[in-house]
Every structure is written in C-alpha cells, then in structure tokens.
Amino acid sequence: MSAIPQVTKAGPKSFTPAELILGGQLVEARAASRIGVAAAGSTKVLGVALTDAQNPDTFTGEPVLVNGRPVLNAAVLPGVVAVAYGGIETPVVYAAAAVFGDRLIAAAGGKVTPAGATPDARTIVGICTAPTGVAANATGLMRTL
C-alpha cells in the first residue's frame, strides 16, 4: 500500500453515548459502538468527555406534565459527545487525593484516582498535571494517555 489516510492525529473524537454522560467524566467503550461512564478500574477507558450528552434513544419529543401543564424541553442534551484522548490536558474530578506526576486510573462515577504502587498497566488513563496536587473530590488537571 503506497499511502493510507490519517484518521485522526489527536482528539477529540465524537461518540454516541449509551447513557447520560457529563463533561469531565472518564468514558469507556460499550456494546453497539456506544460509550458510557467509566467503571472503577476499567481497561476500556477511551478518554474524557468534553461535553454533556445523553443516549439519543431516550429523546421522546413528548411533553411532560409540570404542575398540571404540559412542558416540552426544547433544550435537550446532544446525542453525541466529544472525547479527549492522546495527550490532551483536561480537568477531571479526583476520587482520592493525588500529587503532581501520579499515574491515574478510573474510579467509580467516571472520576480518577491514583494508580498505587503496582497497577495493571491496562488501567492507567492519565497523569496528574496539577503542580500543587489535587484533593479528594476536587477538580484538577489530568493529561490523558
């Protein structure tokens, strides 16, 4: 083959969510070419969601009753989410305190946590790049791998 097309050089890349995803959460590959919020210790993390999005199959277009009146939400969340990966630095929520340079893995709810002394290499998703470190349940910078 004399030449091949370059698909992407760096993120973000767009995916269709299988569930509600909030910007800043780690996301993982799911069945049917969809993504979802990453589980703790996931080996299928694709990156960090840059925007909020929801499963497009949940869009109904039907009004709901609020105080006895029909209300139609005209500002629904998008059905596609951009995902940062491959060396992009982005804010994420830390489930546990981390120091500058810590390797990070997925924690429950799409958060990150320090990898510890002997992590499974497949679970490392990024590096803490906040110079002063990050407290537990606080937002700080991470460079994606």
Foldseek 3Di string as FASTA:
>chain_A
DPDDDDPDDFDWDKFFAPAWDAFQFWWFADPPRHIYGDEFLDLGTPATWHHIAGHPVPDDQFFDADPNDTDGDPDHGHRMTIGGADFDKDKHFEQAWDAFFFFWFAYHPRGIYGQDDDHDVSGGFWTFHAHGTDHHRGIGMTTGD
